[in-house]
PDB file of N, CA and C in Angstrom:
ATOM      1  N   UNK A   1      35.140  28.915   8.713  1.00  0.00           N
ATOM      2  CA  UNK A   1      35.643  29.054  10.169  1.00  0.00           C
ATOM      3  C   UNK A   1      36.910  28.112  10.652  1.00  0.00           C
ATOM      4  N   UNK A   2      36.491  26.845  10.237  1.00  0.00           N
ATOM      5  CA  UNK A   2      37.566  25.866  10.222  1.00  0.00           C
ATOM      6  C   UNK A   2      38.873  26.016   9.593  1.00  0.00           C
ATOM      7  N   UNK A   3      38.710  26.670   8.221  1.00  0.00           N
ATOM      8  CA  UNK A   3      39.937  27.152   7.464  1.00  0.00           C
ATOM      9  C   UNK A   3      40.342  28.187   8.212  1.00  0.00           C
ATOM     10  N   UNK A   4      39.946  29.388   8.988  1.00  0.00           N
ATOM     11  CA  UNK A   4      40.196  30.622   9.612  1.00  0.00           C
ATOM     12  C   UNK A   4      41.362  29.742  11.171  1.00  0.00           C
ATOM     13  N   UNK A   5      40.674  28.751  11.388  1.00  0.00           N
ATOM     14  CA  UNK A   5      41.177  28.338  12.695  1.00  0.00           C
ATOM     15  C   UNK A   5      42.499  27.604  12.416  1.00  0.00           C
ATOM     16  N   UNK A   6      42.295  26.538  11.725  1.00  0.00           N
ATOM     17  CA  UNK A   6      43.576  26.051  10.823  1.00  0.00           C
ATOM     18  C   UNK A   6      44.932  26.880  10.092  1.00  0.00           C
ATOM     19  N   UNK A   7      44.288  27.926   9.745  1.00  0.00           N
ATOM     20  CA  UNK A   7      45.455  29.044   9.124  1.00  0.00           C
ATOM     21  C   UNK A   7      46.199  29.625  10.528  1.00  0.00           C
ATOM     22  N   UNK A   8      45.291  30.071  11.678  1.00  0.00           N
ATOM     23  CA  UNK A   8      45.915  30.541  12.496  1.00  0.00           C
ATOM     24  C   UNK A   8      46.870  29.476  13.634  1.00  0.00           C
ATOM     25  N   UNK A   9      46.226  28.481  13.442  1.00  0.00           N
ATOM     26  CA  UNK A   9      47.384  27.619  13.987  1.00  0.00           C
ATOM     27  C   UNK A   9      48.284  27.105  13.293  1.00  0.00           C
ATOM     28  N   UNK A  10      48.562  27.191  11.918  1.00  0.00           N
ATOM     29  CA  UNK A  10      49.525  26.804  11.095  1.00  0.00           C
ATOM     30  C   UNK A  10      50.710  28.441  11.268  1.00  0.00           C
ATOM     31  N   UNK A  11      49.998  29.791  11.173  1.00  0.00           N
ATOM     32  CA  UNK A  11      50.815  30.714  11.910  1.00  0.00           C
ATOM     33  C   UNK A  11      51.554  30.511  13.051  1.00  0.00           C
ATOM     34  N   UNK A  12      50.651  30.378  14.315  1.00  0.00           N
ATOM     35  CA  UNK A  12      51.497  29.971  15.439  1.00  0.00           C
ATOM     36  C   UNK A  12      52.671  28.991  15.312  1.00  0.00           C
ATOM     37  N   UNK A  13      52.440  28.084  14.634  1.00  0.00           N
ATOM     38  CA  UNK A  13      53.580  26.809  14.308  1.00  0.00           C
ATOM     39  C   UNK A  13      54.341  27.296  13.514  1.00  0.00           C
ATOM     40  N   UNK A  14      54.418  28.387  12.396  1.00  0.00           N
ATOM     41  CA  UNK A  14      55.681  29.004  11.819  1.00  0.00           C
ATOM     42  C   UNK A  14      56.252  29.942  13.048  1.00  0.00           C
ATOM     43  N   UNK A  15      55.588  30.706  13.530  1.00  0.00           N
ATOM     44  CA  UNK A  15      56.114  31.679  14.202  1.00  0.00           C
ATOM     45  C   UNK A  15      57.227  31.022  15.827  1.00  0.00           C
ATOM     46  N   UNK A  16      56.565  30.213  16.040  1.00  0.00           N
ATOM     47  CA  UNK A  16      57.194  28.917  17.047  1.00  0.00           C
ATOM     48  C   UNK A  16      58.553  28.586  16.203  1.00  0.00           C
ATOM     49  N   UNK A  17      58.243  28.264  15.463  1.00  0.00           N
ATOM     50  CA  UNK A  17      59.634  27.352  14.275  1.00  0.00           C
ATOM     51  C   UNK A  17      60.792  28.527  14.231  1.00  0.00           C
ATOM     52  N   UNK A  18      60.651  30.020  13.922  1.00  0.00           N
ATOM     53  CA  UNK A  18      61.038  30.665  13.487  1.00  0.00           C
ATOM     54  C   UNK A  18      61.812  31.767  14.976  1.00  0.00           C
ATOM     55  N   UNK A  19      61.393  31.526  15.900  1.00  0.00           N
ATOM     56  CA  UNK A  19      61.446  31.863  17.546  1.00  0.00           C
ATOM     57  C   UNK A  19      63.174  32.185  17.581  1.00  0.00           C
ATOM     58  N   UNK A  20      63.634  32.989  18.391  1.00  0.00           N
ATOM     59  CA  UNK A  20      64.840  33.117  18.709  1.00  0.00           C
ATOM     60  C   UNK A  20      64.915  32.175  19.901  1.00  0.00           C
ATOM     61  N   UNK A  21      65.708  31.484  19.972  1.00  0.00           N
ATOM     62  CA  UNK A  21      66.729  30.555  21.237  1.00  0.00           C
ATOM     63  C   UNK A  21      67.371  31.288  21.626  1.00  0.00           C
ATOM     64  N   UNK A  22      67.293  31.896  23.433  1.00  0.00           N
ATOM     65  CA  UNK A  22      68.474  32.968  23.949  1.00  0.00           C
ATOM     66  C   UNK A  22      69.011  31.370  24.726  1.00  0.00           C
ATOM     67  N   UNK A  23      70.383  31.527  24.942  1.00  0.00           N
ATOM     68  CA  UNK A  23      71.083  30.623  25.338  1.00  0.00           C
ATOM     69  C   UNK A  23      71.134  30.926  26.797  1.00  0.00           C
ATOM     70  N   UNK A  24      70.705  31.590  27.291  1.00  0.00           N
ATOM     71  CA  UNK A  24      70.460  31.812  29.025  1.00  0.00           C
ATOM     72  C   UNK A  24      69.497  30.987  29.465  1.00  0.00           C
ATOM     73  N   UNK A  25      68.517  30.893  28.715  1.00  0.00           N
ATOM     74  CA  UNK A  25      66.937  30.916  28.945  1.00  0.00           C
ATOM     75  C   UNK A  25      66.650  28.960  28.535  1.00  0.00           C
ATOM     76  N   UNK A  26      67.102  28.604  27.565  1.00  0.00           N
ATOM     77  CA  UNK A  26      67.232  27.370  26.786  1.00  0.00           C
ATOM     78  C   UNK A  26      67.472  26.257  27.561  1.00  0.00           C
ATOM     79  N   UNK A  27      66.157  25.587  27.164  1.00  0.00           N
ATOM     80  CA  UNK A  27      66.776  23.953  27.796  1.00  0.00           C
ATOM     81  C   UNK A  27      67.562  23.320  26.601  1.00  0.00           C
ATOM     82  N   UNK A  28      68.503  22.298  26.971  1.00  0.00           N
ATOM     83  CA  UNK A  28      68.839  20.930  26.472  1.00  0.00           C
ATOM     84  C   UNK A  28      68.140  20.612  25.177  1.00  0.00           C
ATOM     85  N   UNK A  29      66.727  20.729  25.454  1.00  0.00           N
ATOM     86  CA  UNK A  29      66.411  20.479  23.843  1.00  0.00           C
ATOM     87  C   UNK A  29      66.351  21.562  22.880  1.00  0.00           C
ATOM     88  N   UNK A  30      65.698  22.664  23.243  1.00  0.00           N
ATOM     89  CA  UNK A  30      65.804  23.896  22.914  1.00  0.00           C
ATOM     90  C   UNK A  30      67.121  24.244  22.013  1.00  0.00           C
ATOM     91  N   UNK A  31      68.231  23.961  22.736  1.00  0.00           N
ATOM     92  CA  UNK A  31      69.717  24.269  22.002  1.00  0.00           C
ATOM     93  C   UNK A  31      69.874  23.230  20.889  1.00  0.00           C
ATOM     94  N   UNK A  32      69.229  22.107  21.372  1.00  0.00           N
ATOM     95  CA  UNK A  32      69.621  21.164  20.261  1.00  0.00           C
ATOM     96  C   UNK A  32      68.916  21.337  19.016  1.00  0.00           C
ATOM     97  N   UNK A  33      67.798  22.251  19.211  1.00  0.00           N
ATOM     98  CA  UNK A  33      67.108  22.386  17.734  1.00  0.00           C
ATOM     99  C   UNK A  33      67.915  23.176  16.800  1.00  0.00           C
ATOM    100  N   UNK A  34      68.748  24.017  17.264  1.00  0.00           N
ATOM    101  CA  UNK A  34      69.367  25.036  16.859  1.00  0.00           C
ATOM    102  C   UNK A  34      70.140  24.270  15.714  1.00  0.00           C
ATOM    103  N   UNK A  35      70.235  24.392  14.552  1.00  0.00           N
ATOM    104  CA  UNK A  35      71.113  23.800  13.404  1.00  0.00           C
ATOM    105  C   UNK A  35      72.468  24.243  13.602  1.00  0.00           C
ATOM    106  N   UNK A  36      73.381  22.699  13.806  1.00  0.00           N
ATOM    107  CA  UNK A  36      74.862  23.411  14.540  1.00  0.00           C
ATOM    108  C   UNK A  36      75.078  22.919  15.692  1.00  0.00           C
ATOM    109  N   UNK A  37      74.176  22.913  16.763  1.00  0.00           N
ATOM    110  CA  UNK A  37      74.300  22.606  18.037  1.00  0.00           C
ATOM    111  C   UNK A  37      73.763  21.034  18.288  1.00  0.00           C
ATOM    112  N   UNK A  38      74.954  19.801  18.767  1.00  0.00           N
ATOM    113  CA  UNK A  38      74.508  18.583  18.913  1.00  0.00           C
ATOM    114  C   UNK A  38      74.151  18.516  20.268  1.00  0.00           C
ATOM    115  N   UNK A  39      74.005  17.802  21.176  1.00  0.00           N
ATOM    116  CA  UNK A  39      74.263  17.286  22.427  1.00  0.00           C
ATOM    117  C   UNK A  39      75.248  17.448  23.009  1.00  0.00           C
ATOM    118  N   UNK A  40      76.512  17.602  22.501  1.00  0.00           N
ATOM    119  CA  UNK A  40      77.876  17.845  22.914  1.00  0.00           C
ATOM    120  C   UNK A  40      77.888  19.408  23.408  1.00  0.00           C
ATOM    121  N   UNK A  41      77.542  19.797  22.319  1.00  0.00           N
ATOM    122  CA  UNK A  41      77.533  21.641  22.580  1.00  0.00           C
ATOM    123  C   UNK A  41      76.618  22.037  23.509  1.00  0.00           C
ATOM    124  N   UNK A  42      75.566  21.549  23.509  1.00  0.00           N
ATOM    125  CA  UNK A  42      74.637  22.145  24.415  1.00  0.00           C
ATOM    126  C   UNK A  42      74.907  21.517  25.741  1.00  0.00           C
ATOM    127  N   UNK A  43      75.704  20.397  25.894  1.00  0.00           N
ATOM    128  CA  UNK A  43      75.549  20.179  27.445  1.00  0.00           C
ATOM    129  C   UNK A  43      76.957  20.915  28.128  1.00  0.00           C
ATOM    130  N   UNK A  44      77.657  21.389  27.004  1.00  0.00           N
ATOM    131  CA  UNK A  44      79.074  22.430  27.360  1.00  0.00           C
ATOM    132  C   UNK A  44      78.505  23.802  27.725  1.00  0.00           C
ATOM    133  N   UNK A  45      77.394  24.100  26.859  1.00  0.00           N
ATOM    134  CA  UNK A  45      76.908  25.262  27.101  1.00  0.00           C
ATOM    135  C   UNK A  45      76.114  25.301  28.540  1.00  0.00           C
ATOM    136  N   UNK A  46      75.278  24.373  28.686  1.00  0.00           N
ATOM    137  CA  UNK A  46      74.473  24.571  30.264  1.00  0.00           C
ATOM    138  C   UNK A  46      75.287  24.472  31.313  1.00  0.00           C
ATOM    139  N   UNK A  47      76.518  23.349  31.136  1.00  0.00           N
ATOM    140  CA  UNK A  47      77.590  23.236  32.228  1.00  0.00           C
ATOM    141  C   UNK A  47      78.302  24.719  32.510  1.00  0.00           C
ATOM    142  N   UNK A  48      78.460  25.696  31.095  1.00  0.00           N
ATOM    143  CA  UNK A  48      79.050  26.872  31.654  1.00  0.00           C
ATOM    144  C   UNK A  48      77.987  28.017  32.518  1.00  0.00           C
ATOM    145  N   UNK A  49      76.691  27.421  31.968  1.00  0.00           N
ATOM    146  CA  UNK A  49      75.312  28.365  32.128  1.00  0.00           C
ATOM    147  C   UNK A  49      75.046  28.166  33.514  1.00  0.00           C
ATOM    148  N   UNK A  50      75.668  27.075  33.848  1.00  0.00           N
ATOM    149  CA  UNK A  50      75.379  26.768  35.804  1.00  0.00           C
ATOM    150  C   UNK A  50      76.550  27.966  36.516  1.00  0.00           C
ATOM    151  N   UNK A  51      77.558  28.295  35.898  1.00  0.00           N
ATOM    152  CA  UNK A  51      78.309  28.718  36.855  1.00  0.00           C
ATOM    153  C   UNK A  51      78.080  30.382  36.460  1.00  0.00           C
ATOM    154  N   UNK A  52      77.200  30.624  35.711  1.00  0.00           N
ATOM    155  CA  UNK A  52      76.502  32.052  35.612  1.00  0.00           C
ATOM    156  C   UNK A  52      76.089  32.090  34.106  1.00  0.00           C
ATOM    157  N   UNK A  53      75.048  33.312  34.265  1.00  0.00           N
ATOM    158  CA  UNK A  53      74.499  33.394  32.842  1.00  0.00           C
ATOM    159  C   UNK A  53      75.496  34.219  31.824  1.00  0.00           C
ATOM    160  N   UNK A  54      75.453  33.830  30.443  1.00  0.00           N
ATOM    161  CA  UNK A  54      76.309  34.709  29.570  1.00  0.00           C
ATOM    162  C   UNK A  54      75.810  36.269  29.409  1.00  0.00           C
ATOM    163  N   UNK A  55      76.982  37.000  29.398  1.00  0.00           N
ATOM    164  CA  UNK A  55      76.788  38.209  29.626  1.00  0.00           C
ATOM    165  C   UNK A  55      76.029  38.859  28.006  1.00  0.00           C
ATOM    166  N   UNK A  56      77.426  38.347  27.360  1.00  0.00           N
ATOM    167  CA  UNK A  56      77.337  38.815  25.849  1.00  0.00           C
ATOM    168  C   UNK A  56      77.964  37.893  25.087  1.00  0.00           C
ATOM    169  N   UNK A  57      78.050  38.038  23.404  1.00  0.00           N
ATOM    170  CA  UNK A  57      78.356  37.040  22.586  1.00  0.00           C
ATOM    171  C   UNK A  57      80.179  36.379  23.049  1.00  0.00           C
ATOM    172  N   UNK A  58      80.772  37.733  23.380  1.00  0.00           N
ATOM    173  CA  UNK A  58      82.389  37.540  23.386  1.00  0.00           C
ATOM    174  C   UNK A  58      82.441  36.706  24.831  1.00  0.00           C
ATOM    175  N   UNK A  59      81.698  36.977  25.674  1.00  0.00           N
ATOM    176  CA  UNK A  59      81.596  35.718  27.198  1.00  0.00           C
ATOM    177  C   UNK A  59      81.095  34.320  26.870  1.00  0.00           C
ATOM    178  N   UNK A  60      79.981  34.257  26.117  1.00  0.00           N
ATOM    179  CA  UNK A  60      79.913  32.863  25.409  1.00  0.00           C
ATOM    180  C   UNK A  60      80.993  32.041  24.466  1.00  0.00           C
ATOM    181  N   UNK A  61      81.947  32.819  23.703  1.00  0.00           N
ATOM    182  CA  UNK A  61      82.564  32.230  23.037  1.00  0.00           C
ATOM    183  C   UNK A  61      83.769  31.925  23.747  1.00  0.00           C
ATOM    184  N   UNK A  62      84.037  32.719  24.644  1.00  0.00           N
ATOM    185  CA  UNK A  62      85.513  32.348  25.732  1.00  0.00           C
ATOM    186  C   UNK A  62      84.956  31.290  26.534  1.00  0.00           C
ATOM    187  N   UNK A  63      84.025  31.013  27.203  1.00  0.00           N
ATOM    188  CA  UNK A  63      83.709  30.214  28.191  1.00  0.00           C
ATOM    189  C   UNK A  63      83.637  28.912  27.767  1.00  0.00           C
ATOM    190  N   UNK A  64      82.761  29.004  26.331  1.00  0.00           N
ATOM    191  CA  UNK A  64      82.072  27.318  25.593  1.00  0.00           C
ATOM    192  C   UNK A  64      83.345  26.690  24.579  1.00  0.00           C
ATOM    193  N   UNK A  65      83.836  25.798  25.097  1.00  0.00           N
ATOM    194  CA  UNK A  65      85.124  25.610  24.364  1.00  0.00           C
ATOM    195  C   UNK A  65      84.517  24.563  22.820  1.00  0.00           C
ATOM    196  N   UNK A  66      85.079  25.205  21.698  1.00  0.00           N
ATOM    197  CA  UNK A  66      84.518  24.683  20.583  1.00  0.00           C
ATOM    198  C   UNK A  66      83.552  25.244  19.896  1.00  0.00           C
ATOM    199  N   UNK A  67      83.367  26.596  20.308  1.00  0.00           N
ATOM    200  CA  UNK A  67      82.904  27.559  19.750  1.00  0.00           C
ATOM    201  C   UNK A  67      83.440  28.959  19.352  1.00  0.00           C
ATOM    202  N   UNK A  68      83.690  28.951  18.254  1.00  0.00           N
ATOM    203  CA  UNK A  68      84.499  30.488  17.984  1.00  0.00           C
ATOM    204  C   UNK A  68      83.591  31.305  17.411  1.00  0.00           C
ATOM    205  N   UNK A  69      84.164  32.386  16.977  1.00  0.00           N
ATOM    206  CA  UNK A  69      83.409  33.107  15.938  1.00  0.00           C
ATOM    207  C   UNK A  69      82.681  33.147  15.184  1.00  0.00           C
ATOM    208  N   UNK A  70      83.172  31.978  14.361  1.00  0.00           N
ATOM    209  CA  UNK A  70      82.482  31.337  12.728  1.00  0.00           C
ATOM    210  C   UNK A  70      81.564  30.731  13.406  1.00  0.00           C
ATOM    211  N   UNK A  71      81.375  29.688  14.523  1.00  0.00           N
ATOM    212  CA  UNK A  71      80.279  28.993  15.053  1.00  0.00           C
ATOM    213  C   UNK A  71      79.728  29.927  15.397  1.00  0.00           C
ATOM    214  N   UNK A  72      79.779  31.160  16.296  1.00  0.00           N
ATOM    215  CA  UNK A  72      78.957  31.909  16.920  1.00  0.00           C
ATOM    216  C   UNK A  72      77.852  32.735  15.885  1.00  0.00           C
ATOM    217  N   UNK A  73      78.723  32.724  14.461  1.00  0.00           N
ATOM    218  CA  UNK A  73      77.782  33.287  13.707  1.00  0.00           C
ATOM    219  C   UNK A  73      77.027  32.284  13.310  1.00  0.00           C
ATOM    220  N   UNK A  74      77.731  31.145  13.038  1.00  0.00           N
ATOM    221  CA  UNK A  74      76.352  30.091  12.342  1.00  0.00           C
ATOM    222  C   UNK A  74      75.442  29.920  13.076  1.00  0.00           C
ATOM    223  N   UNK A  75      75.483  30.062  14.399  1.00  0.00           N
ATOM    224  CA  UNK A  75      74.336  29.625  15.506  1.00  0.00           C
ATOM    225  C   UNK A  75      73.318  30.822  15.420  1.00  0.00           C
ATOM    226  N   UNK A  76      73.689  32.001  15.868  1.00  0.00           N
ATOM    227  CA  UNK A  76      73.465  33.432  15.311  1.00  0.00           C
ATOM    228  C   UNK A  76      72.340  33.576  14.377  1.00  0.00           C
ATOM    229  N   UNK A  77      72.898  32.982  12.882  1.00  0.00           N
ATOM    230  CA  UNK A  77      72.204  32.966  11.589  1.00  0.00           C
ATOM    231  C   UNK A  77      70.950  31.784  12.118  1.00  0.00           C
ATOM    232  N   UNK A  78      71.235  30.818  12.655  1.00  0.00           N
ATOM    233  CA  UNK A  78      70.018  29.921  13.329  1.00  0.00           C
ATOM    234  C   UNK A  78      68.957  30.305  14.344  1.00  0.00           C
ATOM    235  N   UNK A  79      69.425  31.162  14.466  1.00  0.00           N
ATOM    236  CA  UNK A  79      67.994  32.161  16.101  1.00  0.00           C
ATOM    237  C   UNK A  79      68.971  31.639  17.339  1.00  0.00           C
ATOM    238  N   UNK A  80      70.429  31.645  17.280  1.00  0.00           N
ATOM    239  CA  UNK A  80      70.531  31.438  18.603  1.00  0.00           C
ATOM    240  C   UNK A  80      70.609  33.001  19.228  1.00  0.00           C
ATOM    241  N   UNK A  81      70.391  33.524  20.604  1.00  0.00           N
ATOM    242  CA  UNK A  81      70.771  35.006  20.812  1.00  0.00           C
ATOM    243  C   UNK A  81      71.567  34.768  22.281  1.00  0.00           C
ATOM    244  N   UNK A  82      72.372  35.776  22.596  1.00  0.00           N
ATOM    245  CA  UNK A  82      72.789  35.783  23.935  1.00  0.00           C
ATOM    246  C   UNK A  82      72.015  37.022  24.415  1.00  0.00           C
ATOM    247  N   UNK A  83      71.038  37.020  25.547  1.00  0.00           N
ATOM    248  CA  UNK A  83      70.613  37.865  26.097  1.00  0.00           C
ATOM    249  C   UNK A  83      69.372  38.437  25.066  1.00  0.00           C
ATOM    250  N   UNK A  84      69.189  38.017  24.277  1.00  0.00           N
ATOM    251  CA  UNK A  84      68.223  38.445  22.849  1.00  0.00           C
ATOM    252  C   UNK A  84      69.070  39.373  21.580  1.00  0.00           C
ATOM    253  N   UNK A  85      70.349  39.306  21.897  1.00  0.00           N
ATOM    254  CA  UNK A  85      71.039  40.014  20.967  1.00  0.00           C
ATOM    255  C   UNK A  85      71.638  38.860  19.837  1.00  0.00           C
ATOM    256  N   UNK A  86      71.309  39.224  18.599  1.00  0.00           N
ATOM    257  CA  UNK A  86      72.201  38.181  17.588  1.00  0.00           C
ATOM    258  C   UNK A  86      73.339  38.586  17.729  1.00  0.00           C
ATOM    259  N   UNK A  87      74.755  37.895  17.157  1.00  0.00           N
ATOM    260  CA  UNK A  87      76.007  37.761  17.109  1.00  0.00           C
ATOM    261  C   UNK A  87      76.256  38.958  16.086  1.00  0.00           C
ATOM    262  N   UNK A  88      77.182  39.741  16.354  1.00  0.00           N
ATOM    263  CA  UNK A  88      77.599  40.613  15.488  1.00  0.00           C
ATOM    264  C   UNK A  88      79.285  40.695  15.159  1.00  0.00           C
ATOM    265  N   UNK A  89      79.768  40.247  14.050  1.00  0.00           N
ATOM    266  CA  UNK A  89      81.353  40.418  14.132  1.00  0.00           C
ATOM    267  C   UNK A  89      82.154  41.290  14.451  1.00  0.00           C
ATOM    268  N   UNK A  90      83.187  41.478  15.121  1.00  0.00           N
ATOM    269  CA  UNK A  90      84.145  42.431  15.603  1.00  0.00           C
ATOM    270  C   UNK A  90      85.019  42.937  14.775  1.00  0.00           C
ATOM    271  N   UNK A  91      85.052  42.023  13.421  1.00  0.00           N
ATOM    272  CA  UNK A  91      86.076  43.052  12.698  1.00  0.00           C
ATOM    273  C   UNK A  91      85.476  43.782  11.880  1.00  0.00           C
ATOM    274  N   UNK A  92      86.345  44.939  11.986  1.00  0.00           N
ATOM    275  CA  UNK A  92      85.841  46.436  11.442  1.00  0.00           C
ATOM    276  C   UNK A  92      85.790  46.501  10.130  1.00  0.00           C
ATOM    277  N   UNK A  93      87.385  45.842   9.645  1.00  0.00           N
ATOM    278  CA  UNK A  93      87.660  45.852   8.437  1.00  0.00           C
ATOM    279  C   UNK A  93      87.381  44.670   7.342  1.00  0.00           C
ATOM    280  N   UNK A  94      86.979  44.532   6.213  1.00  0.00           N
ATOM    281  CA  UNK A  94      86.770  43.172   5.344  1.00  0.00           C
ATOM    282  C   UNK A  94      88.076  42.422   5.401  1.00  0.00           C
ATOM    283  N   UNK A  95      88.172  41.226   5.476  1.00  0.00           N
ATOM    284  CA  UNK A  95      89.293  40.535   4.716  1.00  0.00           C
ATOM    285  C   UNK A  95      90.016  40.611   3.728  1.00  0.00           C
ATOM    286  N   UNK A  96      91.094  41.165   3.483  1.00  0.00           N
ATOM    287  CA  UNK A  96      91.952  41.055   2.257  1.00  0.00           C
ATOM    288  C   UNK A  96      91.792  40.062   1.200  1.00  0.00           C
ATOM    289  N   UNK A  97      91.557  40.059  -0.124  1.00  0.00           N
ATOM    290  CA  UNK A  97      91.681  38.618  -0.845  1.00  0.00           C
ATOM    291  C   UNK A  97      92.827  38.349  -1.212  1.00  0.00           C
ATOM    292  N   UNK A  98      92.676  37.188  -1.590  1.00  0.00           N
ATOM    293  CA  UNK A  98      94.169  36.141  -1.599  1.00  0.00           C
ATOM    294  C   UNK A  98      95.314  36.883  -2.053  1.00  0.00           C
ATOM    295  N   UNK A  99      94.786  37.299  -3.471  1.00  0.00           N
ATOM    296  CA  UNK A  99      95.964  38.071  -4.508  1.00  0.00           C
ATOM    297  C   UNK A  99      96.389  39.285  -3.784  1.00  0.00           C
ATOM    298  N   UNK A 100      95.727  39.690  -2.839  1.00  0.00           N
ATOM    299  CA  UNK A 100      96.125  40.936  -2.402  1.00  0.00           C
ATOM    300  C   UNK A 100      97.538  40.418  -1.484  1.00  0.00           C
ATOM    301  N   UNK A 101      97.556  39.673  -0.729  1.00  0.00           N
ATOM    302  CA  UNK A 101      98.816  39.179  -0.017  1.00  0.00           C
ATOM    303  C   UNK A 101      99.736  38.500  -0.766  1.00  0.00           C
ATOM    304  N   UNK A 102      99.573  37.642  -2.183  1.00  0.00           N
ATOM    305  CA  UNK A 102     100.522  37.577  -2.945  1.00  0.00           C
ATOM    306  C   UNK A 102     100.973  38.886  -3.647  1.00  0.00           C
ATOM    307  N   UNK A 103     100.412  39.900  -3.994  1.00  0.00           N
ATOM    308  CA  UNK A 103     101.030  40.963  -4.501  1.00  0.00           C
ATOM    309  C   UNK A 103     102.240  41.071  -3.267  1.00  0.00           C
ATOM    310  N   UNK A 104     101.470  41.532  -1.620  1.00  0.00           N
ATOM    311  CA  UNK A 104     102.343  42.374  -1.101  1.00  0.00           C
ATOM    312  C   UNK A 104     103.425  41.519  -0.902  1.00  0.00           C
ATOM    313  N   UNK A 105     103.668  40.217  -0.847  1.00  0.00           N
ATOM    314  CA  UNK A 105     105.077  39.635  -0.841  1.00  0.00           C
ATOM    315  C   UNK A 105     105.936  39.557  -1.837  1.00  0.00           C
ATOM    316  N   UNK A 106     105.681  39.940  -3.296  1.00  0.00           N
ATOM    317  CA  UNK A 106     106.683  40.002  -4.131  1.00  0.00           C
ATOM    318  C   UNK A 106     107.240  41.315  -3.746  1.00  0.00           C
ATOM    319  N   UNK A 107     108.625  41.565  -4.370  1.00  0.00           N
ATOM    320  CA  UNK A 107     109.741  42.719  -3.727  1.00  0.00           C
ATOM    321  C   UNK A 107     109.252  43.482  -4.800  1.00  0.00           C
ATOM    322  N   UNK A 108     109.239  44.903  -4.618  1.00  0.00           N
ATOM    323  CA  UNK A 108     109.402  45.921  -5.760  1.00  0.00           C
ATOM    324  C   UNK A 108     110.450  46.193  -6.085  1.00  0.00           C
ATOM    325  N   UNK A 109     111.015  46.612  -7.065  1.00  0.00           N
ATOM    326  CA  UNK A 109     111.995  47.014  -7.428  1.00  0.00           C
ATOM    327  C   UNK A 109     111.945  48.366  -7.126  1.00  0.00           C
ATOM    328  N   UNK A 110     113.150  49.291  -6.746  1.00  0.00           N
ATOM    329  CA  UNK A 110     113.111  50.584  -6.257  1.00  0.00           C
ATOM    330  C   UNK A 110     113.976  51.154  -7.835  1.00  0.00           C
ATOM    331  N   UNK A 111     114.140  52.494  -7.870  1.00  0.00           N
ATOM    332  CA  UNK A 111     114.671  53.373  -8.927  1.00  0.00           C
ATOM    333  C   UNK A 111     115.975  53.489  -8.718  1.00  0.00           C
ATOM    334  N   UNK A 112     116.657  53.098  -7.315  1.00  0.00           N
ATOM    335  CA  UNK A 112     117.785  53.145  -6.886  1.00  0.00           C
ATOM    336  C   UNK A 112     118.672  51.742  -7.352  1.00  0.00           C
ATOM    337  N   UNK A 113     118.184  50.785  -6.922  1.00  0.00           N
ATOM    338  CA  UNK A 113     118.258  49.655  -7.543  1.00  0.00           C
ATOM    339  C   UNK A 113     118.572  48.988  -8.700  1.00  0.00           C
ATOM    340  N   UNK A 114     117.398  49.785  -9.808  1.00  0.00           N
ATOM    341  CA  UNK A 114     117.347  49.218 -10.921  1.00  0.00           C
ATOM    342  C   UNK A 114     118.772  50.621 -11.676  1.00  0.00           C
ATOM    343  N   UNK A 115     119.042  51.583 -11.117  1.00  0.00           N
ATOM    344  CA  UNK A 115     120.199  52.692 -11.288  1.00  0.00           C
ATOM    345  C   UNK A 115     121.385  51.557 -11.502  1.00  0.00           C
ATOM    346  N   UNK A 116     121.514  50.727 -10.565  1.00  0.00           N
ATOM    347  CA  UNK A 116     122.750  50.489 -10.005  1.00  0.00           C
ATOM    348  C   UNK A 116     123.264  49.382 -11.231  1.00  0.00           C
ATOM    349  N   UNK A 117     122.207  48.828 -11.635  1.00  0.00           N
ATOM    350  CA  UNK A 117     122.657  47.610 -12.810  1.00  0.00           C
ATOM    351  C   UNK A 117     122.812  48.283 -14.104  1.00  0.00           C
TER     352      UNK A 117
END
């Protein structure tokens, strides 16, 4: 019986550790518990939240100085949500590889210019 109780308590603790932290409801300590958010960012979040709840991730990114889309994605991966919603990137197309940019920069000789030579 004791083993079952301890197992149940351990499961509750594990569930609490992985629970999402909603930016509109969290305390400073709960925000600090998200990896990457320290006292400075949590105080900025709380100051902006005093002006009104965050509507969505873009509102959060626009209002909180020092938080861009990259940080928002990291915070979301660590369990932060806005109104229960995880961050979704806005980029529809994947980034082009660096080699593709180099290939575009090189001029391509056309048939007309080759004929002149």
